[in-house]
Each structure stands twice: as C-alpha cells, then as structure tokens.
Amino acid sequence: MVRALRNPFTERMTDLEQTGADLEERRAAFATASLKLAAVGGDVEAGKVEAGQSAGLVGSIVPAAEIVRRLGGGVRDGPGRAAGRGRTVYDETVVDGLASAPQALLDLVQGRYTGKTVVWLGS
C-alpha cells in the first residue's frame, strides 16, 4: 500500500481495481509511473506523488503565515547568532518567495543544494 495524492495516475489505478483488472494489468499500469517522475521530473500528472508516512502525523491544517509566525526568527536568527560567534559553520541556500518553493524542492532533490534550504517569506 502506497499513500499518494490524487492525480490521473491514482485515478487510473483506482479504475483498474474497481473494474476488476487482473494483477498483471495493474502491475503494468503501476510500473508506468515512478516517484522520480513526479519528484525529480516534475510530472505530477503521470508520476506517483507519494504522501509518505508523515501524512498520518498531520493533526491540523495551518496557514503558511501562521507557521512562519510560530517559527519567528528561530530559523532565520538562531543559527546566524551561533555562526556569528564562530561556533557553527553551515551551508545555506535561501530562495525568495513562496513561488520559488517548487523549484527549490526540485533543486534540493536533484542535489543542487547542500546544507539547509530556506524559502524566505518575510521582508
């Protein structure tokens, strides 16, 4: 069992199961898609967009602005203070704006970034 977000791939698999397609036909359809196709290739229509085990840990839906408010300066200032005193050295990539987040995720998965990746939402 794989948790996945609904897309044309999952709808096709559901249709095959509901219409009684045999195991080999379902396996063949399943093999046409991959997580890499969605996560690296960006094809979220034909790829497997897995929700993963962490989906079961979601306890509430919170707007992004609230998450940023809760984190406050901790993400932005915490490591910086320690690094400024020479105690911590880290590699960080900062991308500007929520619109940059999907490409930043793809770049991260493809190994273009090392260390921490931050999507900056504030001013």
Protein backbone atom coordinates (compact mmCIF):
# COMPACT_ATOMS: atom_id res chain seq x y z
CA MET A 1 0.00 0.00 0.00
CA VAL A 2 1.38 3.40 -1.01
CA ARG A 3 -0.17 6.68 0.11
CA ALA A 4 -0.37 9.05 -2.82
CA LEU A 5 -2.04 12.30 -3.74
CA ARG A 6 -4.91 12.01 -6.21
CA ASN A 7 -3.86 12.59 -9.80
CA PRO A 8 -4.52 10.91 -13.19
CA PHE A 9 -2.18 8.06 -12.23
CA THR A 10 -4.04 7.23 -9.00
CA GLU A 11 -7.39 7.60 -10.75
CA ARG A 12 -6.28 5.06 -13.38
CA MET A 13 -5.14 2.64 -10.69
CA THR A 14 -8.43 3.05 -8.82
CA ASP A 15 -10.38 2.46 -12.02
CA LEU A 16 -8.39 -0.73 -12.73
CA GLU A 17 -9.07 -2.03 -9.22
CA GLN A 18 -12.77 -1.17 -9.29
CA THR A 19 -13.32 -2.76 -12.72
CA GLY A 20 -11.62 -5.98 -11.66
CA ALA A 21 -8.49 -5.77 -13.81
CA ASP A 22 -6.18 -8.71 -13.26
CA LEU A 23 -2.97 -8.40 -11.24
CA GLU A 24 -0.68 -8.30 -14.27
CA GLU A 25 -2.62 -5.43 -15.86
CA ARG A 26 -2.49 -3.47 -12.60
CA ARG A 27 1.25 -4.17 -12.22
CA ALA A 28 1.89 -2.97 -15.76
CA ALA A 29 -0.01 0.27 -15.10
CA PHE A 30 1.78 0.75 -11.78
CA ALA A 31 5.16 0.32 -13.48
CA THR A 32 4.48 3.16 -15.93
CA ALA A 33 4.84 5.77 -13.17
CA SER A 34 7.50 6.47 -10.59
CA LEU A 35 8.19 8.76 -7.66
CA LYS A 36 11.21 10.07 -9.57
CA LEU A 37 8.94 11.05 -12.46
CA ALA A 38 6.97 13.30 -10.08
CA ALA A 39 9.64 14.47 -7.61
CA VAL A 40 12.58 14.96 -9.95
CA GLY A 41 10.95 15.18 -13.36
CA GLY A 42 8.13 17.41 -12.14
CA ASP A 43 5.44 15.31 -13.84
CA VAL A 44 2.80 15.35 -11.11
CA GLU A 45 0.12 14.18 -13.55
CA ALA A 46 1.68 10.85 -14.58
CA GLY A 47 4.07 10.32 -11.66
CA LYS A 48 3.48 8.83 -8.24
CA VAL A 49 3.09 11.76 -5.87
CA GLU A 50 3.60 9.89 -2.64
CA ALA A 51 2.23 11.42 0.55
CA GLY A 52 4.52 9.30 2.74
CA GLN A 53 4.29 8.20 6.33
CA SER A 54 4.33 11.75 7.62
CA ALA A 55 0.85 12.36 6.18
CA GLY A 56 -0.54 10.40 9.13
CA LEU A 57 1.13 12.82 11.53
CA VAL A 58 -0.80 15.86 10.30
CA GLY A 59 -3.01 16.98 13.17
CA SER A 60 -4.30 20.25 11.78
CA ILE A 61 -4.25 22.44 8.70
CA VAL A 62 -2.49 25.72 9.44
CA PRO A 63 -1.99 28.63 7.01
CA ALA A 64 1.60 29.16 5.93
CA ALA A 65 1.63 32.63 7.51
CA GLU A 66 0.83 31.07 10.89
CA ILE A 67 3.67 28.57 10.57
CA VAL A 68 6.08 31.37 9.71
CA ARG A 69 4.79 33.41 12.68
CA ARG A 70 5.28 30.44 15.02
CA LEU A 71 8.80 29.87 13.80
CA GLY A 72 9.51 33.56 14.13
CA GLY A 73 13.16 34.42 13.99
CA GLY A 74 14.26 30.98 15.16
CA VAL A 75 15.01 29.68 11.71
CA ARG A 76 16.40 32.96 10.47
CA ASP A 77 18.27 34.23 13.54
CA GLY A 78 19.09 31.17 15.67
CA PRO A 79 21.81 29.59 13.54
CA GLY A 80 23.07 33.01 12.48
CA ARG A 81 23.81 34.10 16.04
CA ALA A 82 25.88 30.99 16.73
CA ALA A 83 27.68 31.27 13.39
CA GLY A 84 28.48 34.90 14.12
CA ARG A 85 30.34 33.79 17.24
CA GLY A 86 32.29 31.25 15.20
CA ARG A 87 30.73 28.22 16.86
CA THR A 88 28.69 26.95 13.94
CA VAL A 89 29.54 26.69 10.29
CA TYR A 90 26.81 25.74 7.87
CA ASP A 91 25.95 25.86 4.22
CA GLU A 92 22.65 27.52 3.40
CA THR A 93 20.68 28.32 0.27
CA VAL A 94 17.94 30.94 0.54
CA VAL A 95 15.32 31.34 -2.18
CA ASP A 96 12.97 34.29 -2.20
CA GLY A 97 9.20 33.86 -2.04
CA LEU A 98 6.70 31.02 -1.95
CA ALA A 99 6.57 30.95 -5.75
CA SER A 100 10.21 29.80 -5.70
CA ALA A 101 9.49 26.85 -3.39
CA PRO A 102 8.60 24.19 -6.01
CA GLN A 103 11.80 24.79 -7.99
CA ALA A 104 13.81 24.91 -4.76
CA LEU A 105 12.41 21.50 -3.81
CA LEU A 106 13.32 20.06 -7.21
CA ASP A 107 16.82 21.57 -6.97
CA LEU A 108 17.23 20.09 -3.49
CA VAL A 109 16.12 16.62 -4.62
CA GLN A 110 18.46 16.83 -7.62
CA GLY A 111 21.40 17.63 -5.33
CA ARG A 112 21.99 21.20 -6.47
CA TYR A 113 21.98 22.44 -2.88
CA THR A 114 23.88 21.27 0.15
CA GLY A 115 23.11 22.07 3.74
CA LYS A 116 19.95 23.93 4.65
CA THR A 117 17.47 25.30 2.13
CA VAL A 118 15.24 28.17 3.24
CA VAL A 119 12.30 29.67 1.40
CA TRP A 120 12.21 33.28 2.61
CA LEU A 121 8.65 34.58 3.01
CA GLY A 122 9.25 37.72 5.03
CA SER A 123 10.51 41.18 4.38
